[in-house]
N, C-alpha and C. Protein backbone atom coordinates (compact mmCIF):
# COMPACT_ATOMS: atom_id res chain seq x y z
N MET A 1 -17.62 -14.40 -0.51
CA MET A 1 -16.22 -14.50 0.04
C MET A 1 -15.65 -12.77 0.47
N SER A 2 -15.08 -12.53 1.27
CA SER A 2 -14.65 -11.29 1.12
C SER A 2 -13.12 -11.03 0.39
N SER A 3 -12.21 -9.88 -0.12
CA SER A 3 -11.72 -9.56 -0.85
C SER A 3 -10.01 -10.31 0.43
N GLU A 4 -9.16 -10.81 -0.27
CA GLU A 4 -7.99 -10.90 0.41
C GLU A 4 -6.76 -9.27 0.26
N VAL A 5 -6.85 -8.23 0.94
CA VAL A 5 -6.09 -7.63 1.43
C VAL A 5 -4.67 -8.18 0.84
N ILE A 6 -3.99 -7.60 -0.63
CA ILE A 6 -2.75 -7.87 -1.01
C ILE A 6 -1.17 -7.06 -0.17
N ALA A 7 -1.66 -5.59 -0.70
CA ALA A 7 -0.92 -4.60 0.05
C ALA A 7 -1.49 -3.62 0.11
N LEU A 8 -0.92 -2.94 1.21
CA LEU A 8 -1.34 -1.56 1.46
C LEU A 8 -0.26 -0.48 1.48
N LEU A 9 -0.47 0.23 0.63
CA LEU A 9 0.45 1.68 0.56
C LEU A 9 0.01 2.97 0.79
N PHE A 10 0.67 3.41 2.06
CA PHE A 10 0.49 4.61 2.79
C PHE A 10 1.28 5.72 2.12
N PRO A 11 1.12 7.15 2.69
CA PRO A 11 1.23 8.05 1.60
C PRO A 11 2.77 8.71 2.65
N GLU A 12 3.35 9.41 1.75
CA GLU A 12 4.78 9.52 2.53
C GLU A 12 4.80 10.30 3.49
N MET A 13 3.40 11.62 3.95
CA MET A 13 3.47 12.22 5.51
C MET A 13 1.84 11.32 6.08
N SER A 14 2.14 11.59 7.73
CA SER A 14 0.92 11.28 8.06
C SER A 14 0.36 12.58 8.38
N SER A 15 -0.74 12.35 9.12
CA SER A 15 -1.42 13.69 9.12
C SER A 15 -1.34 14.45 10.41
N PRO A 16 -1.55 15.10 10.52
CA PRO A 16 -0.79 15.96 11.54
C PRO A 16 -2.37 15.34 12.98
N PRO A 17 -1.59 15.12 14.31
CA PRO A 17 -2.33 14.32 15.39
C PRO A 17 -3.50 15.64 15.26
N GLY A 18 -4.47 14.42 16.10
CA GLY A 18 -6.31 15.06 15.39
C GLY A 18 -6.81 15.63 14.62
N GLY A 19 -5.89 14.98 13.65
CA GLY A 19 -6.38 15.63 11.90
C GLY A 19 -6.98 14.14 11.29
N ALA A 20 -7.74 14.44 10.17
CA ALA A 20 -8.06 13.54 9.50
C ALA A 20 -7.15 11.68 9.15
N ALA A 21 -7.95 10.46 9.60
CA ALA A 21 -7.07 9.67 9.07
C ALA A 21 -6.58 9.66 7.46
N PRO A 22 -5.36 9.60 7.30
CA PRO A 22 -4.98 9.49 6.17
C PRO A 22 -5.80 8.38 5.20
N MET A 23 -5.67 8.19 4.05
CA MET A 23 -6.05 7.09 3.10
C MET A 23 -4.86 6.31 2.34
N VAL A 24 -5.05 5.16 2.44
CA VAL A 24 -4.50 4.38 2.09
C VAL A 24 -4.34 3.84 0.15
N MET A 25 -3.50 3.35 -0.14
CA MET A 25 -4.08 2.80 -1.61
C MET A 25 -3.58 1.44 -1.02
N ALA A 26 -4.88 0.39 -1.01
CA ALA A 26 -5.18 -1.18 -0.91
C ALA A 26 -5.40 -2.07 -1.97
N LEU A 27 -4.30 -2.73 -2.56
CA LEU A 27 -4.77 -3.65 -3.31
C LEU A 27 -5.32 -5.20 -2.88
N LEU A 28 -6.49 -5.24 -3.73
CA LEU A 28 -7.19 -6.29 -3.12
C LEU A 28 -7.26 -7.62 -4.17
N ARG A 29 -7.48 -9.27 -3.61
CA ARG A 29 -7.66 -9.78 -4.88
C ARG A 29 -9.34 -10.48 -4.31
N ASP A 30 -10.12 -10.35 -5.37
CA ASP A 30 -11.58 -10.97 -4.91
C ASP A 30 -11.38 -12.06 -5.11
N ALA A 31 -12.58 -12.98 -4.67
CA ALA A 31 -12.91 -14.85 -4.75
C ALA A 31 -12.41 -15.25 -6.10
N GLN A 32 -12.58 -14.22 -7.15
CA GLN A 32 -12.15 -14.69 -8.50
C GLN A 32 -10.92 -14.77 -9.27
N GLY A 33 -10.37 -14.31 -8.52
CA GLY A 33 -8.87 -13.79 -8.70
C GLY A 33 -8.29 -12.26 -8.96
N LEU A 34 -9.77 -11.86 -9.46
CA LEU A 34 -9.51 -10.45 -9.81
C LEU A 34 -8.81 -9.08 -8.98
N MET A 35 -8.06 -8.20 -9.10
CA MET A 35 -7.06 -7.45 -8.27
C MET A 35 -7.73 -6.16 -8.97
N GLN A 36 -7.91 -5.34 -7.44
CA GLN A 36 -8.36 -3.95 -7.98
C GLN A 36 -7.52 -2.95 -6.84
N LEU A 37 -7.51 -2.00 -6.74
CA LEU A 37 -6.99 -0.42 -6.35
C LEU A 37 -8.11 -0.02 -5.35
N ARG A 38 -8.02 0.40 -4.24
CA ARG A 38 -9.12 1.06 -4.00
C ARG A 38 -8.15 2.17 -2.63
N SER A 39 -9.04 3.03 -2.19
CA SER A 39 -8.41 4.12 -1.45
C SER A 39 -9.43 3.92 -0.34
N LEU A 40 -8.59 3.44 1.19
CA LEU A 40 -9.44 2.89 1.76
C LEU A 40 -8.73 4.03 3.47
N VAL A 41 -9.74 4.01 4.48
CA VAL A 41 -9.14 4.56 5.57
C VAL A 41 -8.72 3.29 6.44
N PRO A 42 -7.51 2.94 7.33
CA PRO A 42 -6.96 1.85 7.50
C PRO A 42 -7.34 1.86 8.49
N ASP A 43 -7.87 0.39 9.61
CA ASP A 43 -8.29 0.51 10.68
C ASP A 43 -7.31 -0.92 11.55
N ALA A 44 -7.77 -1.10 12.78
CA ALA A 44 -6.79 -2.31 12.92
C ALA A 44 -6.91 -3.57 12.45
N SER A 45 -8.21 -3.75 11.58
CA SER A 45 -8.51 -5.23 11.26
C SER A 45 -8.07 -5.43 9.85
N LEU A 46 -8.01 -4.42 9.00
CA LEU A 46 -7.79 -4.13 7.77
C LEU A 46 -5.24 -4.33 7.72
N LEU A 47 -5.07 -3.82 8.94
CA LEU A 47 -3.62 -4.08 8.94
C LEU A 47 -3.36 -5.27 9.36
N ARG A 48 -4.16 -6.24 10.03
CA ARG A 48 -4.11 -7.63 10.35
C ARG A 48 -3.80 -8.23 9.14
N GLN A 49 -4.97 -7.50 8.69
CA GLN A 49 -5.27 -8.53 7.03
C GLN A 49 -4.34 -8.41 5.96
N ALA A 50 -3.62 -7.01 5.78
CA ALA A 50 -2.59 -6.75 4.44
C ALA A 50 -1.20 -8.16 4.74
N ARG A 51 -0.92 -8.23 3.56
CA ARG A 51 0.71 -9.17 3.47
C ARG A 51 1.50 -8.73 3.71
N VAL A 52 1.66 -7.18 2.80
CA VAL A 52 2.72 -6.25 3.24
C VAL A 52 2.13 -4.99 3.31
N ALA A 53 2.89 -3.65 3.99
CA ALA A 53 2.47 -2.38 4.26
C ALA A 53 3.82 -1.85 4.21
N GLY A 54 3.27 -0.76 3.11
CA GLY A 54 4.81 0.39 2.72
C GLY A 54 4.63 1.40 2.47
N ARG A 55 5.44 2.43 2.06
CA ARG A 55 5.42 3.69 1.51
C ARG A 55 5.23 3.68 0.46
N MET A 56 4.86 4.64 -0.11
CA MET A 56 5.15 4.76 -1.84
C MET A 56 6.24 6.18 -2.04
N ASN A 57 6.82 5.11 -2.82
CA ASN A 57 8.24 5.99 -3.65
C ASN A 57 9.20 5.53 -2.45
N ARG A 58 9.16 5.14 -2.02
CA ARG A 58 10.05 4.83 -0.30
C ARG A 58 11.18 3.25 -0.87
N GLY A 59 11.21 2.60 -1.84
CA GLY A 59 11.91 0.95 -1.88
C GLY A 59 12.66 2.28 -3.19
N LYS A 60 13.56 0.62 -2.87
CA LYS A 60 14.55 0.71 -4.76
C LYS A 60 13.52 1.04 -5.95
N PRO A 61 14.01 1.99 -6.80
CA PRO A 61 13.69 2.66 -7.88
C PRO A 61 13.45 0.96 -8.93
N ILE A 62 12.59 0.82 -9.63
CA ILE A 62 12.42 -0.23 -11.03
C ILE A 62 12.50 0.55 -12.16
N LEU A 63 13.92 0.21 -12.74
CA LEU A 63 13.94 0.40 -14.13
C LEU A 63 13.68 0.09 -14.86
N ASP A 64 13.23 0.54 -16.30
CA ASP A 64 12.82 -0.49 -17.56
C ASP A 64 13.82 -0.89 -17.84
N PRO A 65 14.64 -2.11 -18.21
CA PRO A 65 15.65 -2.70 -18.87
C PRO A 65 16.12 -1.91 -20.34
N ALA A 66 15.49 -1.53 -21.29
CA ALA A 66 15.35 -1.24 -22.33
C ALA A 66 15.91 0.15 -21.77
N THR A 67 15.14 1.23 -21.54
CA THR A 67 15.63 2.53 -21.51
C THR A 67 16.29 3.24 -20.26
N ARG A 68 16.03 1.90 -19.70
CA ARG A 68 16.98 2.48 -18.49
C ARG A 68 15.87 3.67 -17.31
N GLU A 69 14.51 3.84 -17.78
CA GLU A 69 14.00 4.89 -16.98
C GLU A 69 12.79 4.30 -15.95
N VAL A 70 13.15 5.64 -14.93
CA VAL A 70 12.35 4.79 -13.40
C VAL A 70 10.76 4.26 -13.83
N ILE A 71 10.22 3.26 -13.68
CA ILE A 71 8.71 2.94 -14.11
C ILE A 71 8.09 2.61 -12.80
N GLY A 72 8.89 2.58 -11.57
CA GLY A 72 8.05 2.48 -10.42
C GLY A 72 9.17 2.35 -9.29
N CYS A 73 8.79 1.77 -8.24
CA CYS A 73 9.25 1.81 -7.05
C CYS A 73 9.06 0.36 -6.41
N GLU A 74 10.15 -0.12 -5.84
CA GLU A 74 9.41 -1.37 -4.70
C GLU A 74 8.98 -0.76 -3.44
N ILE A 75 8.40 -1.89 -3.05
CA ILE A 75 7.24 -1.67 -1.79
C ILE A 75 8.73 -1.54 -0.53
N GLU A 76 9.00 -0.72 -0.09
CA GLU A 76 9.53 -0.71 1.46
C GLU A 76 8.68 -0.86 2.24
N PRO A 77 8.78 -2.52 3.04
CA PRO A 77 7.68 -2.84 4.08
C PRO A 77 7.88 -2.08 5.36
N LEU A 78 7.20 -1.65 5.65
CA LEU A 78 7.10 -0.38 7.35
C LEU A 78 6.75 -1.83 8.65
N PRO A 79 7.99 -1.71 8.96
CA PRO A 79 7.83 -2.60 10.54
C PRO A 79 6.39 -2.42 11.28
N ASP A 80 6.04 -1.08 11.21
CA ASP A 80 4.72 -0.93 12.41
C ASP A 80 3.61 0.08 10.84
N PRO A 81 2.93 -0.58 10.42
CA PRO A 81 2.02 0.21 9.72
C PRO A 81 1.50 1.66 10.14
N THR A 82 1.44 1.06 11.45
CA THR A 82 0.43 2.01 12.48
C THR A 82 1.19 3.51 12.88
N GLY A 83 2.44 3.32 12.33
CA GLY A 83 3.74 4.47 12.80
C GLY A 83 4.04 5.03 11.89
């Protein structure tokens, strides 16, 4: 059985027209439920499989409740991941 694509995280900037396809970080879950991150070149099939696609560091900051330090960002979903 193949891995389930949980999320695709796109880089901040896309490549220039005619340039190389940008790599995305894919969060995958295998048949045993183990999770892994992989850098992949997105294609139409991968985009259809993803539960959510978003840009890195574009969502609401996630704060540590004790220190109030920013420890990450929520994923801001992209309405059109190819755009």
